[in-house]
Amino acid sequence: MATKSQPRVRVPATAKAGEIVEIKTLISHEMESGQRKDADGKPIPRKIIHAFEASFNGKVFFAATWYPSVSANPYQSFFYKAAETGEFKFTWKDDDGSEYAATAKMTVA
């Protein structure tokens, strides 16, 4: 049975101007390759997240393209140089047109 994809992000709530912070993201997702069959022998449709994007205050600063070899529940971490207070938006795009999103705010002192 398919589970609802649930994104999770870990972003520091505060940072100093110029500080390099690590951002961690994870989404609960089966990443079905489309090569398996169900109990009746019918192919299970492909359903993978193929794109991930991170933006800050509306400007994309990190993007990744994923392929069927990416494991279930994909984890992505990366670094960001804090310059101003604002909001991160993280978006995952699925083959079936679904989009999953999460946001996080960071205050820069």
N, C-alpha and C. Protein backbone atom coordinates (compact mmCIF):
# COMPACT_ATOMS: atom_id res chain seq x y z
N MET A 1 0.83 -1.18 0.00
CA MET A 1 0.00 0.00 0.00
C MET A 1 0.88 1.24 0.00
N ALA A 2 0.58 2.20 -0.83
CA ALA A 2 1.37 3.42 -0.94
C ALA A 2 1.17 4.29 0.29
N THR A 3 2.25 4.92 0.70
CA THR A 3 2.17 5.84 1.83
C THR A 3 2.27 7.26 1.30
N LYS A 4 1.69 8.19 2.05
CA LYS A 4 1.73 9.59 1.64
C LYS A 4 3.15 10.11 1.81
N SER A 5 3.66 10.77 0.78
CA SER A 5 5.00 11.33 0.85
C SER A 5 5.03 12.47 1.85
N GLN A 6 5.99 12.43 2.74
CA GLN A 6 6.09 13.41 3.80
C GLN A 6 7.49 14.02 3.82
N PRO A 7 7.61 15.29 3.40
CA PRO A 7 8.94 15.92 3.44
C PRO A 7 9.31 16.39 4.84
N ARG A 8 10.59 16.31 5.15
CA ARG A 8 11.13 16.83 6.40
C ARG A 8 12.40 17.61 6.09
N VAL A 9 12.57 18.74 6.75
CA VAL A 9 13.76 19.55 6.54
C VAL A 9 14.35 19.96 7.89
N ARG A 10 15.64 20.13 7.90
CA ARG A 10 16.33 20.63 9.09
C ARG A 10 17.20 21.81 8.66
N VAL A 11 16.78 23.00 9.12
CA VAL A 11 17.45 24.26 8.81
C VAL A 11 17.70 24.97 10.13
N PRO A 12 18.90 25.52 10.35
CA PRO A 12 19.10 26.28 11.58
C PRO A 12 18.12 27.46 11.66
N ALA A 13 17.55 27.71 12.82
CA ALA A 13 16.61 28.83 12.98
C ALA A 13 17.33 30.17 12.91
N THR A 14 18.59 30.19 13.34
CA THR A 14 19.37 31.43 13.30
C THR A 14 20.77 31.14 12.77
N ALA A 15 21.38 32.18 12.21
CA ALA A 15 22.75 32.08 11.72
C ALA A 15 23.35 33.48 11.73
N LYS A 16 24.66 33.54 11.74
CA LYS A 16 25.36 34.83 11.65
C LYS A 16 25.57 35.14 10.17
N ALA A 17 25.59 36.42 9.83
CA ALA A 17 25.84 36.82 8.44
C ALA A 17 27.18 36.24 7.98
N GLY A 18 27.18 35.60 6.83
CA GLY A 18 28.38 34.99 6.28
C GLY A 18 28.64 33.57 6.74
N GLU A 19 27.87 33.07 7.69
CA GLU A 19 28.05 31.72 8.20
C GLU A 19 27.58 30.69 7.17
N ILE A 20 28.33 29.60 7.05
CA ILE A 20 27.95 28.49 6.19
C ILE A 20 27.14 27.51 7.03
N VAL A 21 25.89 27.27 6.63
CA VAL A 21 25.02 26.36 7.39
C VAL A 21 24.70 25.13 6.56
N GLU A 22 24.52 24.01 7.24
CA GLU A 22 24.13 22.78 6.56
C GLU A 22 22.62 22.63 6.61
N ILE A 23 22.05 22.29 5.48
CA ILE A 23 20.62 22.05 5.36
C ILE A 23 20.44 20.57 5.04
N LYS A 24 19.52 19.93 5.74
CA LYS A 24 19.26 18.51 5.53
C LYS A 24 17.80 18.32 5.15
N THR A 25 17.56 17.53 4.12
CA THR A 25 16.19 17.26 3.69
C THR A 25 16.00 15.75 3.52
N LEU A 26 14.77 15.32 3.76
CA LEU A 26 14.41 13.92 3.61
C LEU A 26 12.93 13.88 3.23
N ILE A 27 12.58 13.00 2.33
CA ILE A 27 11.17 12.81 2.01
C ILE A 27 10.84 11.32 2.07
N SER A 28 9.77 11.00 2.76
CA SER A 28 9.30 9.61 2.82
C SER A 28 8.60 9.32 1.50
N HIS A 29 9.20 8.45 0.71
CA HIS A 29 8.66 8.15 -0.62
C HIS A 29 9.19 6.79 -1.06
N GLU A 30 8.33 5.98 -1.66
CA GLU A 30 8.71 4.62 -2.03
C GLU A 30 9.66 4.54 -3.23
N MET A 31 9.63 5.55 -4.09
CA MET A 31 10.48 5.57 -5.29
C MET A 31 10.32 4.27 -6.09
N GLU A 32 9.09 4.02 -6.51
CA GLU A 32 8.76 2.80 -7.28
C GLU A 32 9.34 2.90 -8.68
N SER A 33 10.17 1.94 -9.06
CA SER A 33 10.89 1.98 -10.34
C SER A 33 10.02 1.62 -11.55
N GLY A 34 8.88 0.97 -11.31
CA GLY A 34 8.04 0.53 -12.42
C GLY A 34 8.43 -0.83 -12.96
N GLN A 35 9.41 -1.48 -12.35
CA GLN A 35 9.88 -2.78 -12.83
C GLN A 35 9.32 -3.96 -12.03
N ARG A 36 8.65 -3.66 -10.92
CA ARG A 36 8.08 -4.74 -10.11
C ARG A 36 6.65 -5.02 -10.52
N LYS A 37 6.14 -6.19 -10.09
CA LYS A 37 4.74 -6.56 -10.37
C LYS A 37 4.00 -6.73 -9.05
N ASP A 38 2.68 -6.47 -9.09
CA ASP A 38 1.86 -6.65 -7.89
C ASP A 38 1.48 -8.12 -7.74
N ALA A 39 0.65 -8.43 -6.76
CA ALA A 39 0.26 -9.81 -6.47
C ALA A 39 -0.47 -10.46 -7.64
N ASP A 40 -1.13 -9.66 -8.49
CA ASP A 40 -1.84 -10.19 -9.66
C ASP A 40 -0.95 -10.29 -10.90
N GLY A 41 0.33 -9.94 -10.76
CA GLY A 41 1.24 -10.02 -11.88
C GLY A 41 1.24 -8.79 -12.78
N LYS A 42 0.49 -7.76 -12.38
CA LYS A 42 0.45 -6.52 -13.18
C LYS A 42 1.60 -5.61 -12.77
N PRO A 43 2.18 -4.92 -13.74
CA PRO A 43 3.28 -4.00 -13.41
C PRO A 43 2.80 -2.88 -12.47
N ILE A 44 3.62 -2.59 -11.48
CA ILE A 44 3.33 -1.46 -10.59
C ILE A 44 3.86 -0.21 -11.31
N PRO A 45 3.03 0.79 -11.52
CA PRO A 45 3.46 1.97 -12.27
C PRO A 45 4.66 2.67 -11.63
N ARG A 46 5.52 3.19 -12.49
CA ARG A 46 6.68 3.94 -12.03
C ARG A 46 6.19 5.19 -11.29
N LYS A 47 6.81 5.47 -10.17
CA LYS A 47 6.49 6.66 -9.38
C LYS A 47 7.75 7.04 -8.61
N ILE A 48 8.55 7.92 -9.22
CA ILE A 48 9.76 8.38 -8.56
C ILE A 48 9.79 9.90 -8.51
N ILE A 49 10.47 10.40 -7.53
CA ILE A 49 10.74 11.84 -7.48
C ILE A 49 11.92 12.06 -8.41
N HIS A 50 11.73 12.90 -9.40
CA HIS A 50 12.79 13.12 -10.38
C HIS A 50 13.48 14.47 -10.25
N ALA A 51 12.93 15.38 -9.45
CA ALA A 51 13.55 16.69 -9.32
C ALA A 51 13.39 17.22 -7.90
N PHE A 52 14.44 17.88 -7.44
CA PHE A 52 14.44 18.54 -6.13
C PHE A 52 14.98 19.94 -6.34
N GLU A 53 14.37 20.90 -5.65
CA GLU A 53 14.79 22.29 -5.80
C GLU A 53 14.71 22.99 -4.45
N ALA A 54 15.71 23.81 -4.15
CA ALA A 54 15.71 24.61 -2.93
C ALA A 54 15.85 26.08 -3.31
N SER A 55 15.01 26.91 -2.71
CA SER A 55 15.09 28.35 -2.99
C SER A 55 15.09 29.10 -1.66
N PHE A 56 15.63 30.32 -1.71
CA PHE A 56 15.63 31.20 -0.54
C PHE A 56 15.10 32.55 -0.98
N ASN A 57 14.05 32.99 -0.31
CA ASN A 57 13.37 34.24 -0.66
C ASN A 57 13.04 34.30 -2.16
N GLY A 58 12.59 33.16 -2.69
CA GLY A 58 12.13 33.09 -4.07
C GLY A 58 13.20 32.84 -5.12
N LYS A 59 14.46 32.76 -4.72
CA LYS A 59 15.55 32.54 -5.68
C LYS A 59 16.14 31.14 -5.51
N VAL A 60 16.10 30.35 -6.59
CA VAL A 60 16.63 28.98 -6.54
C VAL A 60 18.15 29.04 -6.37
N PHE A 61 18.66 28.26 -5.41
CA PHE A 61 20.11 28.21 -5.20
C PHE A 61 20.65 26.79 -5.26
N PHE A 62 19.76 25.79 -5.31
CA PHE A 62 20.21 24.40 -5.39
C PHE A 62 19.14 23.60 -6.13
N ALA A 63 19.57 22.78 -7.09
CA ALA A 63 18.63 21.92 -7.82
C ALA A 63 19.32 20.59 -8.11
N ALA A 64 18.54 19.52 -8.10
CA ALA A 64 19.08 18.19 -8.39
C ALA A 64 18.08 17.41 -9.23
N THR A 65 18.60 16.60 -10.12
CA THR A 65 17.78 15.68 -10.91
C THR A 65 18.08 14.28 -10.39
N TRP A 66 17.03 13.56 -10.04
CA TRP A 66 17.18 12.22 -9.52
C TRP A 66 16.69 11.20 -10.54
N TYR A 67 17.23 9.98 -10.46
CA TYR A 67 16.91 8.91 -11.40
C TYR A 67 16.41 7.69 -10.64
N PRO A 68 15.88 6.68 -11.34
CA PRO A 68 15.29 5.52 -10.66
C PRO A 68 16.23 4.81 -9.68
N SER A 69 17.53 4.98 -9.82
CA SER A 69 18.45 4.30 -8.91
C SER A 69 18.53 4.95 -7.54
N VAL A 70 17.89 6.10 -7.36
CA VAL A 70 17.87 6.74 -6.05
C VAL A 70 16.98 5.90 -5.13
N SER A 71 17.47 5.67 -3.91
CA SER A 71 16.75 4.80 -2.99
C SER A 71 15.45 5.41 -2.49
N ALA A 72 14.64 4.57 -1.88
CA ALA A 72 13.41 5.05 -1.23
C ALA A 72 13.80 6.03 -0.13
N ASN A 73 12.89 6.95 0.17
CA ASN A 73 13.10 7.95 1.22
C ASN A 73 14.39 8.75 0.99
N PRO A 74 14.50 9.41 -0.17
CA PRO A 74 15.76 10.09 -0.50
C PRO A 74 16.11 11.24 0.45
N TYR A 75 17.40 11.26 0.80
CA TYR A 75 17.98 12.26 1.69
C TYR A 75 18.91 13.13 0.86
N GLN A 76 18.84 14.43 1.08
CA GLN A 76 19.72 15.36 0.36
C GLN A 76 20.19 16.39 1.37
N SER A 77 21.51 16.59 1.44
CA SER A 77 22.02 17.67 2.29
C SER A 77 22.95 18.54 1.46
N PHE A 78 23.05 19.79 1.86
CA PHE A 78 23.88 20.76 1.13
C PHE A 78 24.13 21.94 2.05
N PHE A 79 24.98 22.85 1.60
CA PHE A 79 25.36 24.00 2.42
C PHE A 79 24.86 25.29 1.80
N TYR A 80 24.66 26.29 2.66
CA TYR A 80 24.16 27.58 2.23
C TYR A 80 24.86 28.67 3.04
N LYS A 81 25.29 29.72 2.36
CA LYS A 81 25.94 30.84 3.04
C LYS A 81 24.87 31.85 3.44
N ALA A 82 24.66 32.01 4.74
CA ALA A 82 23.63 32.90 5.26
C ALA A 82 24.02 34.36 4.99
N ALA A 83 23.08 35.10 4.41
CA ALA A 83 23.34 36.51 4.12
C ALA A 83 22.23 37.41 4.66
N GLU A 84 21.00 36.89 4.68
CA GLU A 84 19.87 37.70 5.13
C GLU A 84 18.79 36.80 5.72
N THR A 85 17.91 37.42 6.49
CA THR A 85 16.78 36.71 7.07
C THR A 85 15.77 36.41 5.97
N GLY A 86 15.17 35.23 6.02
CA GLY A 86 14.17 34.90 5.01
C GLY A 86 13.64 33.49 5.15
N GLU A 87 13.02 33.04 4.07
CA GLU A 87 12.36 31.73 4.07
C GLU A 87 12.89 30.84 2.95
N PHE A 88 13.19 29.61 3.33
CA PHE A 88 13.57 28.58 2.39
C PHE A 88 12.31 27.87 1.91
N LYS A 89 12.30 27.47 0.66
CA LYS A 89 11.24 26.61 0.15
C LYS A 89 11.92 25.44 -0.55
N PHE A 90 11.46 24.25 -0.22
CA PHE A 90 12.01 23.02 -0.79
C PHE A 90 10.89 22.33 -1.56
N THR A 91 11.17 21.92 -2.79
CA THR A 91 10.16 21.31 -3.64
C THR A 91 10.68 20.01 -4.25
N TRP A 92 9.87 18.97 -4.14
CA TRP A 92 10.16 17.67 -4.75
C TRP A 92 9.10 17.44 -5.82
N LYS A 93 9.51 16.99 -7.02
CA LYS A 93 8.57 16.76 -8.12
C LYS A 93 8.58 15.28 -8.50
N ASP A 94 7.37 14.73 -8.58
CA ASP A 94 7.16 13.31 -8.86
C ASP A 94 6.83 13.09 -10.33
N ASP A 95 7.12 11.89 -10.83
CA ASP A 95 6.79 11.53 -12.21
C ASP A 95 5.32 11.72 -12.55
N ASP A 96 4.44 11.49 -11.58
CA ASP A 96 3.01 11.56 -11.86
C ASP A 96 2.46 12.99 -11.81
N GLY A 97 3.35 13.97 -11.67
CA GLY A 97 2.93 15.37 -11.64
C GLY A 97 2.74 15.91 -10.24
N SER A 98 2.80 15.04 -9.23
CA SER A 98 2.66 15.49 -7.85
C SER A 98 3.85 16.36 -7.45
N GLU A 99 3.58 17.32 -6.60
CA GLU A 99 4.62 18.16 -6.04
C GLU A 99 4.47 18.18 -4.54
N TYR A 100 5.58 18.08 -3.85
CA TYR A 100 5.59 18.11 -2.39
C TYR A 100 6.47 19.29 -1.99
N ALA A 101 6.08 20.00 -0.96
CA ALA A 101 6.86 21.18 -0.57
C ALA A 101 6.95 21.30 0.94
N ALA A 102 8.02 21.95 1.37
CA ALA A 102 8.23 22.27 2.78
C ALA A 102 8.91 23.63 2.83
N THR A 103 8.68 24.34 3.91
CA THR A 103 9.32 25.65 4.10
C THR A 103 9.96 25.71 5.47
N ALA A 104 10.93 26.60 5.60
CA ALA A 104 11.61 26.83 6.87
C ALA A 104 12.16 28.26 6.87
N LYS A 105 12.06 28.91 8.01
CA LYS A 105 12.58 30.27 8.13
C LYS A 105 13.91 30.28 8.85
N MET A 106 14.76 31.25 8.48
CA MET A 106 16.04 31.42 9.13
C MET A 106 16.25 32.91 9.38
N THR A 107 16.65 33.24 10.61
CA THR A 107 16.94 34.63 10.97
C THR A 107 18.44 34.82 10.97
N VAL A 108 18.91 35.83 10.25
CA VAL A 108 20.34 36.12 10.19
C VAL A 108 20.61 37.38 11.00
N ALA A 109 21.55 37.24 11.93
CA ALA A 109 21.89 38.37 12.82
C ALA A 109 23.21 38.99 12.41
